[in-house]
Amino acid sequence: MQKLVNLDKSFTGLEDKAEAFHAAQNRQAESQTRLYDQMQTEMYVARGLLADVTSSAATLQAALEDTSSKVANLVTSGALTTTILRWGWLSLVLFVLYLFNPRYAGFAAAAWSAYLPAI
């Protein structure tokens, strides 16, 4: 009879341990499920952010290409603009020089016209 009591106590302890182990496994499964759901949510957010970054990069690239082409157009027309500005400044300087002494303005115009390219 004592053996049966001891055996019953052993089985009861074993059942308690099995229940505790089962409860721990359930908590672990719930924790893993919660972590998996969080990871899925973060993956969706990361995909959305990646799509936004990709879109922004494409927009930036298009803007840079547009700006590059505009700068290239300015450079090609810059030679004409620079020549016009040189002639404008030369005309202004010669006019001011003419106001002070017309004879020197004529000499300066003859000398500078050889230096500046014709339009």
Protein backbone atom coordinates (compact mmCIF):
# COMPACT_ATOMS: atom_id res chain seq x y z
CA MET A 1 0.00 0.00 0.00
CA GLN A 2 2.85 2.38 0.80
CA LYS A 3 4.21 1.73 -2.67
CA LEU A 4 0.90 2.77 -4.19
CA VAL A 5 0.83 5.98 -2.15
CA ASN A 6 4.41 6.79 -3.16
CA LEU A 7 3.62 5.93 -6.77
CA ASP A 8 0.51 8.15 -6.60
CA LYS A 9 2.57 11.01 -5.19
CA SER A 10 5.17 10.52 -7.93
CA PHE A 11 2.50 10.55 -10.62
CA THR A 12 0.91 13.64 -9.08
CA GLY A 13 4.29 15.43 -9.04
CA LEU A 14 4.89 14.28 -12.60
CA GLU A 15 1.46 15.56 -13.64
CA ASP A 16 2.17 18.92 -11.98
CA LYS A 17 5.50 19.13 -13.79
CA ALA A 18 3.83 18.18 -17.09
CA GLU A 19 1.16 20.84 -16.59
CA ALA A 20 3.81 23.44 -15.76
CA PHE A 21 5.80 22.36 -18.82
CA HIS A 22 2.64 22.55 -20.97
CA ALA A 23 1.85 26.06 -19.62
CA ALA A 24 5.43 27.17 -20.38
CA GLN A 25 5.12 25.78 -23.91
CA ASN A 26 1.82 27.64 -24.37
CA ARG A 27 3.41 30.91 -23.18
CA GLN A 28 6.35 30.32 -25.53
CA ALA A 29 4.00 29.65 -28.46
CA GLU A 30 2.01 32.81 -27.69
CA SER A 31 5.21 34.81 -27.41
CA GLN A 32 6.47 33.45 -30.73
CA THR A 33 3.13 34.22 -32.38
CA ARG A 34 3.21 37.78 -31.03
CA LEU A 35 6.82 38.24 -32.19
CA TYR A 36 5.98 36.82 -35.61
CA ASP A 37 3.05 39.26 -35.94
CA GLN A 38 5.28 42.17 -34.91
CA MET A 39 7.92 41.07 -37.41
CA GLN A 40 5.32 40.87 -40.18
CA THR A 41 4.09 44.37 -39.34
CA GLU A 42 7.64 45.71 -39.33
CA MET A 43 8.32 44.00 -42.67
CA TYR A 44 5.26 45.70 -44.20
CA VAL A 45 6.42 49.05 -42.82
CA ALA A 46 9.95 48.43 -44.13
CA ARG A 47 8.60 47.54 -47.57
CA GLY A 48 6.55 50.73 -47.60
CA LEU A 49 9.57 52.79 -46.57
CA LEU A 50 11.70 51.09 -49.21
CA ALA A 51 9.08 51.90 -51.84
CA ASP A 52 9.05 55.54 -50.68
CA VAL A 53 12.86 55.73 -50.76
CA THR A 54 12.94 54.16 -54.23
CA SER A 55 10.33 56.63 -55.47
CA SER A 56 12.21 59.56 -53.92
CA ALA A 57 15.47 58.38 -55.46
CA ALA A 58 13.86 58.15 -58.89
CA THR A 59 12.40 61.64 -58.48
CA LEU A 60 15.76 62.97 -57.37
CA GLN A 61 17.50 61.33 -60.30
CA ALA A 62 15.00 62.86 -62.73
CA ALA A 63 15.47 66.27 -61.13
CA LEU A 64 19.25 65.95 -61.34
CA GLU A 65 19.07 64.95 -65.01
CA ASP A 66 16.77 67.89 -65.73
CA THR A 67 19.09 70.26 -63.88
CA SER A 68 22.10 68.80 -65.67
CA SER A 69 20.53 69.37 -69.06
CA LYS A 70 19.59 72.94 -68.10
CA VAL A 71 23.14 73.65 -66.93
CA ALA A 72 24.50 72.17 -70.16
CA ASN A 73 22.19 74.48 -72.12
CA LEU A 74 23.38 77.46 -70.07
CA VAL A 75 27.01 76.56 -70.72
CA THR A 76 26.47 76.42 -74.47
CA SER A 77 24.69 79.76 -74.48
CA GLY A 78 27.09 81.18 -71.89
CA ALA A 79 29.69 82.16 -74.49
CA LEU A 80 27.19 84.44 -76.19
CA THR A 81 26.06 85.90 -72.86
CA THR A 82 29.65 86.56 -71.79
CA THR A 83 30.44 88.31 -75.07
CA ILE A 84 27.35 90.49 -74.80
CA LEU A 85 28.25 91.39 -71.20
CA ARG A 86 31.82 92.30 -72.24
CA TRP A 87 30.57 94.59 -74.98
CA GLY A 88 28.05 96.14 -72.58
CA TRP A 89 30.69 96.90 -69.96
CA LEU A 90 33.09 98.17 -72.63
CA SER A 91 30.38 100.44 -73.98
CA LEU A 92 29.67 101.78 -70.50
CA VAL A 93 33.37 102.42 -69.77
CA LEU A 94 33.89 104.07 -73.14
CA PHE A 95 30.82 106.25 -72.61
CA VAL A 96 32.05 107.41 -69.20
CA LEU A 97 35.53 108.01 -70.65
CA TYR A 98 33.96 109.91 -73.54
CA LEU A 99 32.16 112.17 -71.06
CA PHE A 100 35.49 113.10 -69.46
CA ASN A 101 37.71 113.21 -72.55
CA PRO A 102 36.36 112.22 -75.99
CA ARG A 103 39.84 111.87 -77.54
CA TYR A 104 40.92 109.18 -75.02
CA ALA A 105 37.66 107.34 -75.53
CA GLY A 106 38.45 107.00 -79.26
CA PHE A 107 41.94 105.61 -78.54
CA ALA A 108 40.56 103.19 -75.93
CA ALA A 109 37.83 102.00 -78.28
CA ALA A 110 40.35 101.30 -81.04
CA ALA A 111 42.65 99.40 -78.66
CA TRP A 112 39.89 97.38 -76.96
CA SER A 113 38.13 96.46 -80.20
CA ALA A 114 41.21 94.49 -81.22
CA TYR A 115 41.17 92.67 -77.85
CA LEU A 116 37.46 91.74 -77.68
CA PRO A 117 36.01 89.21 -80.15
CA ALA A 118 33.34 90.36 -82.54
CA ILE A 119 29.76 89.29 -81.93
